């Protein structure tokens, strides 16, 4: 397989302490902002679980196909 993403597992992005510009400079009340933060945390938690599942599926698929023997990564492809 010649795609560089084929040999790299997905990893979560680091958490950012600063809110996006659109949220920092909005007319949301503190209560609305708190609800939004809870919603963001729930969404990120679901994404983290789905990411684990996707990575496990990828590992399982590679193992079921006999591993990576005979495959090339972009770093190894000199053509």
PDB file of N, CA and C in Angstrom:
ATOM      1  N   UNK A   1       0.856  -1.162   0.000  1.00  0.00           N
ATOM      2  CA  UNK A   1       0.000   0.000   0.000  1.00  0.00           C
ATOM      3  C   UNK A   1       0.899   1.221   0.000  1.00  0.00           C
ATOM      4  N   UNK A   2       0.592   2.235  -0.760  1.00  0.00           N
ATOM      5  CA  UNK A   2       1.494   3.362  -0.909  1.00  0.00           C
ATOM      6  C   UNK A   2       1.035   4.611  -0.162  1.00  0.00           C
ATOM      7  N   UNK A   3      -0.032   4.568   0.552  1.00  0.00           N
ATOM      8  CA  UNK A   3      -0.508   5.739   1.278  1.00  0.00           C
ATOM      9  C   UNK A   3       0.208   5.868   2.611  1.00  0.00           C
ATOM     10  N   UNK A   4       0.714   7.060   2.901  1.00  0.00           N
ATOM     11  CA  UNK A   4       1.446   7.263   4.145  1.00  0.00           C
ATOM     12  C   UNK A   4       0.547   7.111   5.356  1.00  0.00           C
ATOM     13  N   UNK A   5      -0.735   7.358   5.226  1.00  0.00           N
ATOM     14  CA  UNK A   5      -1.632   7.243   6.364  1.00  0.00           C
ATOM     15  C   UNK A   5      -1.936   5.792   6.707  1.00  0.00           C
ATOM     16  N   UNK A   6      -1.571   4.858   5.848  1.00  0.00           N
ATOM     17  CA  UNK A   6      -1.894   3.467   6.099  1.00  0.00           C
ATOM     18  C   UNK A   6      -1.094   2.874   7.240  1.00  0.00           C
ATOM     19  N   UNK A   7       0.048   3.451   7.575  1.00  0.00           N
ATOM     20  CA  UNK A   7       0.861   2.884   8.629  1.00  0.00           C
ATOM     21  C   UNK A   7       0.831   3.716   9.898  1.00  0.00           C
ATOM     22  N   UNK A   8      -0.006   4.730   9.954  1.00  0.00           N
ATOM     23  CA  UNK A   8      -0.064   5.611  11.103  1.00  0.00           C
ATOM     24  C   UNK A   8      -1.442   5.495  11.746  1.00  0.00           C
ATOM     25  N   UNK A   9      -1.463   5.237  13.054  1.00  0.00           N
ATOM     26  CA  UNK A   9      -2.733   5.183  13.754  1.00  0.00           C
ATOM     27  C   UNK A   9      -3.206   6.598  14.046  1.00  0.00           C
ATOM     28  N   UNK A  10      -4.489   6.736  14.160  1.00  0.00           N
ATOM     29  CA  UNK A  10      -5.053   8.043  14.485  1.00  0.00           C
ATOM     30  C   UNK A  10      -4.764   8.353  15.948  1.00  0.00           C
ATOM     31  N   UNK A  11      -4.471   9.594  16.232  1.00  0.00           N
ATOM     32  CA  UNK A  11      -4.210  10.020  17.605  1.00  0.00           C
ATOM     33  C   UNK A  11      -5.038  11.256  17.900  1.00  0.00           C
ATOM     34  N   UNK A  12      -5.470  11.408  19.152  1.00  0.00           N
ATOM     35  CA  UNK A  12      -6.273  12.587  19.481  1.00  0.00           C
ATOM     36  C   UNK A  12      -5.425  13.855  19.454  1.00  0.00           C
ATOM     37  N   UNK A  13      -6.071  14.956  19.160  1.00  0.00           N
ATOM     38  CA  UNK A  13      -5.401  16.248  19.194  1.00  0.00           C
ATOM     39  C   UNK A  13      -5.219  16.681  20.643  1.00  0.00           C
ATOM     40  N   UNK A  14      -4.167  17.414  20.933  1.00  0.00           N
ATOM     41  CA  UNK A  14      -3.992  17.889  22.311  1.00  0.00           C
ATOM     42  C   UNK A  14      -5.092  18.883  22.676  1.00  0.00           C
ATOM     43  N   UNK A  15      -5.440  18.886  23.952  1.00  0.00           N
ATOM     44  CA  UNK A  15      -6.471  19.815  24.394  1.00  0.00           C
ATOM     45  C   UNK A  15      -5.933  21.236  24.344  1.00  0.00           C
ATOM     46  N   UNK A  16      -6.785  22.142  23.960  1.00  0.00           N
ATOM     47  CA  UNK A  16      -6.415  23.545  23.921  1.00  0.00           C
ATOM     48  C   UNK A  16      -7.056  24.244  25.112  1.00  0.00           C
ATOM     49  N   UNK A  17      -6.266  25.020  25.805  1.00  0.00           N
ATOM     50  CA  UNK A  17      -6.801  25.721  26.964  1.00  0.00           C
ATOM     51  C   UNK A  17      -7.600  26.946  26.558  1.00  0.00           C
ATOM     52  N   UNK A  18      -7.297  27.512  25.415  1.00  0.00           N
ATOM     53  CA  UNK A  18      -7.974  28.723  24.987  1.00  0.00           C
ATOM     54  C   UNK A  18      -9.154  28.360  24.090  1.00  0.00           C
ATOM     55  N   UNK A  19     -10.261  29.030  24.303  1.00  0.00           N
ATOM     56  CA  UNK A  19     -11.448  28.799  23.488  1.00  0.00           C
ATOM     57  C   UNK A  19     -11.272  29.433  22.115  1.00  0.00           C
ATOM     58  N   UNK A  20     -11.960  28.899  21.111  1.00  0.00           N
ATOM     59  CA  UNK A  20     -11.912  29.518  19.781  1.00  0.00           C
ATOM     60  C   UNK A  20     -12.397  30.966  19.828  1.00  0.00           C
ATOM     61  N   UNK A  21     -11.924  31.752  18.890  1.00  0.00           N
ATOM     62  CA  UNK A  21     -12.250  33.186  18.831  1.00  0.00           C
ATOM     63  C   UNK A  21     -13.755  33.417  18.838  1.00  0.00           C
ATOM     64  N   UNK A  22     -14.505  32.627  18.083  1.00  0.00           N
ATOM     65  CA  UNK A  22     -15.943  32.840  17.966  1.00  0.00           C
ATOM     66  C   UNK A  22     -16.638  32.688  19.311  1.00  0.00           C
ATOM     67  N   UNK A  23     -16.096  31.845  20.165  1.00  0.00           N
ATOM     68  CA  UNK A  23     -16.726  31.621  21.465  1.00  0.00           C
ATOM     69  C   UNK A  23     -16.255  32.670  22.470  1.00  0.00           C
ATOM     70  N   UNK A  24     -14.984  33.014  22.445  1.00  0.00           N
ATOM     71  CA  UNK A  24     -14.454  34.010  23.377  1.00  0.00           C
ATOM     72  C   UNK A  24     -15.121  35.360  23.176  1.00  0.00           C
ATOM     73  N   UNK A  25     -15.470  35.683  21.954  1.00  0.00           N
ATOM     74  CA  UNK A  25     -16.016  36.995  21.643  1.00  0.00           C
ATOM     75  C   UNK A  25     -17.489  36.908  21.244  1.00  0.00           C
ATOM     76  N   UNK A  26     -18.248  36.220  22.051  1.00  0.00           N
ATOM     77  CA  UNK A  26     -19.672  36.093  21.751  1.00  0.00           C
ATOM     78  C   UNK A  26     -20.472  36.741  22.875  1.00  0.00           C
ATOM     79  N   UNK A  27     -21.770  36.811  22.653  1.00  0.00           N
ATOM     80  CA  UNK A  27     -22.665  37.395  23.641  1.00  0.00           C
ATOM     81  C   UNK A  27     -23.292  36.323  24.531  1.00  0.00           C
ATOM     82  N   UNK A  28     -22.677  35.153  24.605  1.00  0.00           N
ATOM     83  CA  UNK A  28     -23.227  34.083  25.426  1.00  0.00           C
ATOM     84  C   UNK A  28     -23.109  34.439  26.904  1.00  0.00           C
ATOM     85  N   UNK A  29     -24.112  34.057  27.653  1.00  0.00           N
ATOM     86  CA  UNK A  29     -24.056  34.264  29.099  1.00  0.00           C
ATOM     87  C   UNK A  29     -23.138  33.203  29.705  1.00  0.00           C
ATOM     88  N   UNK A  30     -22.761  33.408  30.959  1.00  0.00           N
ATOM     89  CA  UNK A  30     -21.913  32.430  31.638  1.00  0.00           C
ATOM     90  C   UNK A  30     -22.606  31.068  31.712  1.00  0.00           C
ATOM     91  N   UNK A  31     -23.915  31.068  31.956  1.00  0.00           N
ATOM     92  CA  UNK A  31     -24.659  29.804  32.028  1.00  0.00           C
ATOM     93  C   UNK A  31     -24.651  29.095  30.678  1.00  0.00           C
ATOM     94  N   UNK A  32     -24.860  29.852  29.611  1.00  0.00           N
ATOM     95  CA  UNK A  32     -24.821  29.255  28.275  1.00  0.00           C
ATOM     96  C   UNK A  32     -23.419  28.729  27.972  1.00  0.00           C
ATOM     97  N   UNK A  33     -22.405  29.480  28.376  1.00  0.00           N
ATOM     98  CA  UNK A  33     -21.032  29.055  28.145  1.00  0.00           C
ATOM     99  C   UNK A  33     -20.734  27.766  28.914  1.00  0.00           C
ATOM    100  N   UNK A  34     -21.227  27.667  30.146  1.00  0.00           N
ATOM    101  CA  UNK A  34     -21.034  26.445  30.928  1.00  0.00           C
ATOM    102  C   UNK A  34     -21.688  25.246  30.245  1.00  0.00           C
ATOM    103  N   UNK A  35     -22.913  25.440  29.734  1.00  0.00           N
ATOM    104  CA  UNK A  35     -23.601  24.363  29.011  1.00  0.00           C
ATOM    105  C   UNK A  35     -22.807  23.965  27.770  1.00  0.00           C
ATOM    106  N   UNK A  36     -22.285  24.952  27.083  1.00  0.00           N
ATOM    107  CA  UNK A  36     -21.496  24.688  25.882  1.00  0.00           C
ATOM    108  C   UNK A  36     -20.238  23.897  26.215  1.00  0.00           C
ATOM    109  N   UNK A  37     -19.594  24.244  27.296  1.00  0.00           N
ATOM    110  CA  UNK A  37     -18.389  23.523  27.718  1.00  0.00           C
ATOM    111  C   UNK A  37     -18.710  22.069  28.048  1.00  0.00           C
ATOM    112  N   UNK A  38     -19.826  21.828  28.716  1.00  0.00           N
ATOM    113  CA  UNK A  38     -20.252  20.465  29.017  1.00  0.00           C
ATOM    114  C   UNK A  38     -20.493  19.704  27.719  1.00  0.00           C
ATOM    115  N   UNK A  39     -21.162  20.365  26.786  1.00  0.00           N
ATOM    116  CA  UNK A  39     -21.432  19.750  25.486  1.00  0.00           C
ATOM    117  C   UNK A  39     -20.134  19.408  24.757  1.00  0.00           C
ATOM    118  N   UNK A  40     -19.170  20.324  24.793  1.00  0.00           N
ATOM    119  CA  UNK A  40     -17.874  20.067  24.157  1.00  0.00           C
ATOM    120  C   UNK A  40     -17.181  18.871  24.793  1.00  0.00           C
ATOM    121  N   UNK A  41     -17.196  18.799  26.107  1.00  0.00           N
ATOM    122  CA  UNK A  41     -16.539  17.683  26.805  1.00  0.00           C
ATOM    123  C   UNK A  41     -17.195  16.356  26.452  1.00  0.00           C
ATOM    124  N   UNK A  42     -18.528  16.334  26.392  1.00  0.00           N
ATOM    125  CA  UNK A  42     -19.249  15.111  26.017  1.00  0.00           C
ATOM    126  C   UNK A  42     -18.900  14.709  24.585  1.00  0.00           C
ATOM    127  N   UNK A  43     -18.883  15.688  23.684  1.00  0.00           N
ATOM    128  CA  UNK A  43     -18.544  15.415  22.288  1.00  0.00           C
ATOM    129  C   UNK A  43     -17.122  14.864  22.180  1.00  0.00           C
ATOM    130  N   UNK A  44     -16.171  15.503  22.850  1.00  0.00           N
ATOM    131  CA  UNK A  44     -14.781  15.053  22.804  1.00  0.00           C
ATOM    132  C   UNK A  44     -14.626  13.659  23.395  1.00  0.00           C
ATOM    133  N   UNK A  45     -15.385  13.364  24.428  1.00  0.00           N
ATOM    134  CA  UNK A  45     -15.339  12.034  25.031  1.00  0.00           C
ATOM    135  C   UNK A  45     -15.841  10.978  24.043  1.00  0.00           C
ATOM    136  N   UNK A  46     -16.954  11.276  23.366  1.00  0.00           N
ATOM    137  CA  UNK A  46     -17.471  10.341  22.343  1.00  0.00           C
ATOM    138  C   UNK A  46     -16.460  10.156  21.219  1.00  0.00           C
ATOM    139  N   UNK A  47     -15.832  11.254  20.795  1.00  0.00           N
ATOM    140  CA  UNK A  47     -14.836  11.174  19.731  1.00  0.00           C
ATOM    141  C   UNK A  47     -13.657  10.299  20.156  1.00  0.00           C
ATOM    142  N   UNK A  48     -13.226  10.442  21.394  1.00  0.00           N
ATOM    143  CA  UNK A  48     -12.105   9.643  21.893  1.00  0.00           C
ATOM    144  C   UNK A  48     -12.458   8.151  21.872  1.00  0.00           C
ATOM    145  N   UNK A  49     -13.673   7.815  22.260  1.00  0.00           N
ATOM    146  CA  UNK A  49     -14.109   6.412  22.236  1.00  0.00           C
ATOM    147  C   UNK A  49     -14.182   5.883  20.806  1.00  0.00           C
ATOM    148  N   UNK A  50     -14.727   6.701  19.895  1.00  0.00           N
ATOM    149  CA  UNK A  50     -14.811   6.285  18.498  1.00  0.00           C
ATOM    150  C   UNK A  50     -13.416   6.133  17.895  1.00  0.00           C
ATOM    151  N   UNK A  51     -12.503   6.984  18.289  1.00  0.00           N
ATOM    152  CA  UNK A  51     -11.127   6.909  17.814  1.00  0.00           C
ATOM    153  C   UNK A  51     -10.463   5.612  18.261  1.00  0.00           C
ATOM    154  N   UNK A  52     -10.685   5.230  19.511  1.00  0.00           N
ATOM    155  CA  UNK A  52     -10.148   3.954  20.007  1.00  0.00           C
ATOM    156  C   UNK A  52     -10.693   2.794  19.175  1.00  0.00           C
ATOM    157  N   UNK A  53     -11.995   2.834  18.916  1.00  0.00           N
ATOM    158  CA  UNK A  53     -12.632   1.772  18.138  1.00  0.00           C
ATOM    159  C   UNK A  53     -12.080   1.730  16.709  1.00  0.00           C
ATOM    160  N   UNK A  54     -11.909   2.905  16.093  1.00  0.00           N
ATOM    161  CA  UNK A  54     -11.376   2.951  14.727  1.00  0.00           C
ATOM    162  C   UNK A  54      -9.956   2.395  14.680  1.00  0.00           C
ATOM    163  N   UNK A  55      -9.123   2.771  15.642  1.00  0.00           N
ATOM    164  CA  UNK A  55      -7.753   2.270  15.672  1.00  0.00           C
ATOM    165  C   UNK A  55      -7.733   0.758  15.895  1.00  0.00           C
ATOM    166  N   UNK A  56      -8.603   0.268  16.775  1.00  0.00           N
ATOM    167  CA  UNK A  56      -8.649  -1.170  17.020  1.00  0.00           C
ATOM    168  C   UNK A  56      -9.115  -1.903  15.769  1.00  0.00           C
ATOM    169  N   UNK A  57     -10.099  -1.352  15.071  1.00  0.00           N
ATOM    170  CA  UNK A  57     -10.555  -1.960  13.816  1.00  0.00           C
ATOM    171  C   UNK A  57      -9.430  -2.002  12.796  1.00  0.00           C
ATOM    172  N   UNK A  58      -8.652  -0.966  12.734  1.00  0.00           N
ATOM    173  CA  UNK A  58      -7.528  -0.909  11.795  1.00  0.00           C
ATOM    174  C   UNK A  58      -6.492  -1.981  12.137  1.00  0.00           C
ATOM    175  N   UNK A  59      -6.166  -2.106  13.418  1.00  0.00           N
ATOM    176  CA  UNK A  59      -5.213  -3.122  13.854  1.00  0.00           C
ATOM    177  C   UNK A  59      -5.750  -4.518  13.540  1.00  0.00           C
ATOM    178  N   UNK A  60      -7.022  -4.743  13.852  1.00  0.00           N
ATOM    179  CA  UNK A  60      -7.644  -6.041  13.588  1.00  0.00           C
ATOM    180  C   UNK A  60      -7.610  -6.366  12.103  1.00  0.00           C
ATOM    181  N   UNK A  61      -7.926  -5.396  11.253  1.00  0.00           N
ATOM    182  CA  UNK A  61      -7.904  -5.619   9.804  1.00  0.00           C
ATOM    183  C   UNK A  61      -6.509  -5.971   9.315  1.00  0.00           C
ATOM    184  N   UNK A  62      -5.496  -5.293   9.830  1.00  0.00           N
ATOM    185  CA  UNK A  62      -4.117  -5.583   9.426  1.00  0.00           C
ATOM    186  C   UNK A  62      -3.741  -7.006   9.842  1.00  0.00           C
ATOM    187  N   UNK A  63      -4.082  -7.390  11.052  1.00  0.00           N
ATOM    188  CA  UNK A  63      -3.757  -8.728  11.546  1.00  0.00           C
ATOM    189  C   UNK A  63      -4.488  -9.785  10.734  1.00  0.00           C
ATOM    190  N   UNK A  64      -5.778  -9.568  10.462  1.00  0.00           N
ATOM    191  CA  UNK A  64      -6.566 -10.542   9.714  1.00  0.00           C
ATOM    192  C   UNK A  64      -6.060 -10.715   8.287  1.00  0.00           C
ATOM    193  N   UNK A  65      -5.433  -9.696   7.736  1.00  0.00           N
ATOM    194  CA  UNK A  65      -4.893  -9.779   6.377  1.00  0.00           C
ATOM    195  C   UNK A  65      -3.461 -10.320   6.359  1.00  0.00           C
ATOM    196  N   UNK A  66      -2.968 -10.746   7.504  1.00  0.00           N
ATOM    197  CA  UNK A  66      -1.641 -11.339   7.543  1.00  0.00           C
ATOM    198  C   UNK A  66      -0.540 -10.349   7.894  1.00  0.00           C
ATOM    199  N   UNK A  67      -0.894  -9.244   8.488  1.00  0.00           N
ATOM    200  CA  UNK A  67       0.113  -8.276   8.895  1.00  0.00           C
ATOM    201  C   UNK A  67       0.512  -7.364   7.754  1.00  0.00           C
ATOM    202  N   UNK A  68       1.654  -6.728   7.899  1.00  0.00           N
ATOM    203  CA  UNK A  68       2.108  -5.750   6.919  1.00  0.00           C
ATOM    204  C   UNK A  68       3.228  -6.293   6.037  1.00  0.00           C
ATOM    205  N   UNK A  69       3.537  -7.571   6.156  1.00  0.00           N
ATOM    206  CA  UNK A  69       4.598  -8.154   5.336  1.00  0.00           C
ATOM    207  C   UNK A  69       4.246  -8.008   3.859  1.00  0.00           C
ATOM    208  N   UNK A  70       5.198  -7.507   3.091  1.00  0.00           N
ATOM    209  CA  UNK A  70       4.997  -7.315   1.666  1.00  0.00           C
ATOM    210  C   UNK A  70       4.428  -5.954   1.315  1.00  0.00           C
ATOM    211  N   UNK A  71       4.090  -5.165   2.289  1.00  0.00           N
ATOM    212  CA  UNK A  71       3.570  -3.821   2.055  1.00  0.00           C
ATOM    213  C   UNK A  71       4.706  -2.825   2.133  1.00  0.00           C
ATOM    214  N   UNK A  72       4.533  -1.694   1.489  1.00  0.00           N
ATOM    215  CA  UNK A  72       5.516  -0.629   1.548  1.00  0.00           C
ATOM    216  C   UNK A  72       4.862   0.627   2.093  1.00  0.00           C
ATOM    217  N   UNK A  73       5.642   1.420   2.807  1.00  0.00           N
ATOM    218  CA  UNK A  73       5.151   2.727   3.213  1.00  0.00           C
ATOM    219  C   UNK A  73       5.771   3.759   2.284  1.00  0.00           C
ATOM    220  N   UNK A  74       5.281   4.948   2.291  1.00  0.00           N
ATOM    221  CA  UNK A  74       5.794   5.995   1.410  1.00  0.00           C
ATOM    222  C   UNK A  74       7.274   6.225   1.686  1.00  0.00           C
ATOM    223  N   UNK A  75       7.694   6.167   2.943  1.00  0.00           N
ATOM    224  CA  UNK A  75       9.105   6.371   3.282  1.00  0.00           C
ATOM    225  C   UNK A  75       9.984   5.326   2.597  1.00  0.00           C
ATOM    226  N   UNK A  76       9.454   4.118   2.370  1.00  0.00           N
ATOM    227  CA  UNK A  76      10.232   3.054   1.758  1.00  0.00           C
ATOM    228  C   UNK A  76      10.102   3.037   0.233  1.00  0.00           C
ATOM    229  N   UNK A  77       9.154   3.761  -0.302  1.00  0.00           N
ATOM    230  CA  UNK A  77       8.894   3.758  -1.739  1.00  0.00           C
ATOM    231  C   UNK A  77       9.769   4.815  -2.405  1.00  0.00           C
ATOM    232  N   UNK A  78      10.767   4.354  -3.157  1.00  0.00           N
ATOM    233  CA  UNK A  78      11.723   5.275  -3.775  1.00  0.00           C
ATOM    234  C   UNK A  78      11.368   5.614  -5.215  1.00  0.00           C
ATOM    235  N   UNK A  79      10.237   5.171  -5.695  1.00  0.00           N
ATOM    236  CA  UNK A  79       9.885   5.433  -7.086  1.00  0.00           C
ATOM    237  C   UNK A  79       9.169   6.726  -7.280  1.00  0.00           C
TER     238      UNK A  79
END
